[in-house]
Protein backbone atom coordinates (compact mmCIF):
# COMPACT_ATOMS: atom_id res chain seq x y z
CA MET A 1 0.00 0.00 0.00
CA LYS A 2 2.86 2.39 0.80
CA ALA A 3 4.57 1.72 -2.54
CA MET A 4 1.37 2.45 -4.42
CA ALA A 5 0.76 5.60 -2.36
CA ALA A 6 4.26 6.80 -3.27
CA ILE A 7 3.25 6.85 -6.95
CA GLY A 8 -0.12 8.51 -6.29
CA CYS A 9 -2.41 5.50 -6.16
CA ALA A 10 -4.51 4.42 -3.18
CA PHE A 11 -4.53 0.62 -2.92
CA GLY A 12 -5.90 -1.88 -0.45
CA PRO A 13 -6.99 -5.51 -0.23
CA VAL A 14 -10.72 -6.29 -0.29
CA LEU A 15 -13.12 -9.15 -0.84
CA HIS A 16 -15.41 -9.73 -3.80
CA GLY A 17 -18.39 -7.39 -4.17
CA VAL A 18 -17.00 -4.06 -2.95
CA ASN A 19 -18.07 -0.69 -4.29
CA LEU A 20 -17.29 2.96 -3.68
CA TYR A 21 -19.99 4.88 -1.78
CA ARG A 22 -20.31 8.61 -1.05
CA THR A 23 -21.06 9.18 2.63
CA GLY A 24 -20.86 12.99 2.65
CA PRO A 25 -19.78 15.95 0.49
CA ASP A 26 -16.09 14.93 0.59
CA SER A 27 -16.15 11.50 2.19
CA TYR A 28 -16.45 7.98 0.85
CA VAL A 29 -16.14 4.35 1.88
CA VAL A 30 -14.90 1.28 0.05
CA ALA A 31 -17.42 -1.26 1.29
CA ASN A 32 -18.94 -4.67 0.78
CA PRO A 33 -22.64 -3.90 1.28
CA THR A 34 -25.38 -5.73 3.11
CA LEU A 35 -28.11 -7.04 0.79
CA ASP A 36 -31.70 -5.96 1.45
CA GLU A 37 -34.71 -8.29 1.31
CA TYR A 38 -34.73 -7.96 -2.50
CA GLY A 39 -31.04 -8.81 -2.87
CA ASP A 40 -30.05 -5.20 -3.60
CA PRO A 41 -26.85 -3.83 -2.03
CA VAL A 42 -27.35 -1.28 0.75
CA VAL A 43 -24.84 0.82 2.69
CA PRO A 44 -26.90 2.85 5.17
CA GLY A 45 -26.50 6.61 4.75
CA ALA A 46 -24.44 6.27 1.57
CA THR A 47 -24.85 6.63 -2.19
CA HIS A 48 -23.29 4.18 -4.64
CA VAL A 49 -20.86 5.99 -6.99
CA ALA A 50 -18.72 3.24 -8.54
CA SER A 51 -18.33 -0.50 -8.78
CA ILE A 52 -14.88 -1.92 -8.14
CA CYS A 53 -13.58 -4.84 -10.17
CA THR A 54 -12.03 -7.19 -7.62
CA ASP A 55 -10.24 -9.62 -9.93
CA LEU A 56 -7.07 -8.68 -8.03
CA TRP A 57 -8.89 -8.81 -4.64
CA ALA A 58 -7.96 -5.17 -4.14
CA TYR A 59 -9.06 -1.65 -5.00
CA SER A 60 -6.86 0.97 -6.61
CA ILE A 61 -7.85 4.60 -6.92
CA ALA A 62 -5.84 7.37 -8.58
CA ASP A 63 -6.38 11.02 -9.40
CA PHE A 64 -7.52 11.13 -13.03
CA GLU A 65 -5.56 14.28 -13.97
CA HIS A 66 -2.40 12.95 -12.27
CA TRP A 67 -2.82 9.65 -14.10
CA LYS A 68 -3.18 11.48 -17.44
CA SER A 69 -0.10 13.63 -16.70
CA ARG A 70 1.90 10.42 -16.27
CA GLY A 71 0.88 9.15 -19.71
CA GLY A 72 -2.55 7.68 -19.00
CA ASP A 73 -4.76 7.57 -22.09
CA PRO A 74 -8.51 7.96 -21.34
CA SER A 75 -9.38 6.32 -24.67
CA LYS A 76 -7.80 3.11 -23.36
CA LEU A 77 -9.85 2.82 -20.19
CA GLY A 78 -11.40 -0.62 -19.88
CA TRP A 79 -14.93 -1.78 -19.13
CA SER A 80 -14.22 -1.93 -15.41
CA ASP A 81 -12.57 1.52 -15.14
CA THR A 82 -14.70 4.29 -13.68
CA VAL A 83 -14.04 8.02 -13.42
CA VAL A 84 -15.76 9.64 -10.43
CA ASP A 85 -16.15 13.40 -10.09
CA VAL A 86 -14.89 14.48 -6.66
CA THR A 87 -13.89 17.78 -5.08
CA SER A 88 -10.24 18.59 -5.81
CA GLY A 89 -7.91 18.20 -2.88
CA VAL A 90 -5.88 15.79 -0.81
CA TYR A 91 -7.68 12.65 0.32
CA GLN A 92 -6.74 10.38 3.18
CA PHE A 93 -7.44 6.65 2.85
CA THR A 94 -7.78 4.73 6.10
CA ASN A 95 -7.63 0.99 5.44
CA HIS A 96 -9.17 -1.19 8.13
CA GLN A 97 -7.81 -4.62 7.21
CA GLY A 98 -5.37 -5.73 9.88
CA GLU A 99 -7.09 -3.74 12.62
CA ARG A 100 -7.96 -5.68 15.75
CA GLY A 101 -11.57 -6.85 15.50
CA PHE A 102 -11.88 -6.34 11.72
CA GLU A 103 -14.09 -9.06 10.23
CA ALA A 104 -14.23 -9.23 6.45
CA ASP A 105 -16.76 -12.08 6.40
CA SER A 106 -19.51 -10.31 8.36
CA ALA A 107 -23.17 -10.57 7.37
CA GLU A 108 -23.36 -6.80 7.87
CA THR A 109 -21.86 -4.09 5.66
CA VAL A 110 -18.06 -4.33 5.78
CA ILE A 111 -16.13 -1.09 5.36
CA PHE A 112 -12.64 -1.81 4.07
CA ALA A 113 -11.54 1.82 3.85
CA HIS A 114 -12.71 5.30 4.77
CA VAL A 115 -11.78 8.09 2.36
CA GLU A 116 -12.00 11.76 3.26
CA ARG A 117 -10.77 15.04 1.87
CA ILE A 118 -8.31 16.57 4.33
CA ALA A 119 -6.93 19.55 2.38
């Protein structure tokens, strides 16, 4: 995670079925949602903004403009790549895997990371 952060990419391990949810004006969570009685994913108090392809069992999130400045070509984005409009600034990612008491296999919504704008 530190090596990826050094090149401007947030990265963290997750399980299958995670998504990015907006929880406030400048805050988000990477979460595996609870399913409601109809089988639809629900993260209480949050709005779904992007699906995350978990073929690698991880998420990776980068600033779009920074990615382009390093040679990224938007015309080559794949089917699982999503661009999300967020407020410009510095975001802090707090990964919860490895914390005492963290349970990834819970029947409830599992939050793998909190994301918030700090500057």
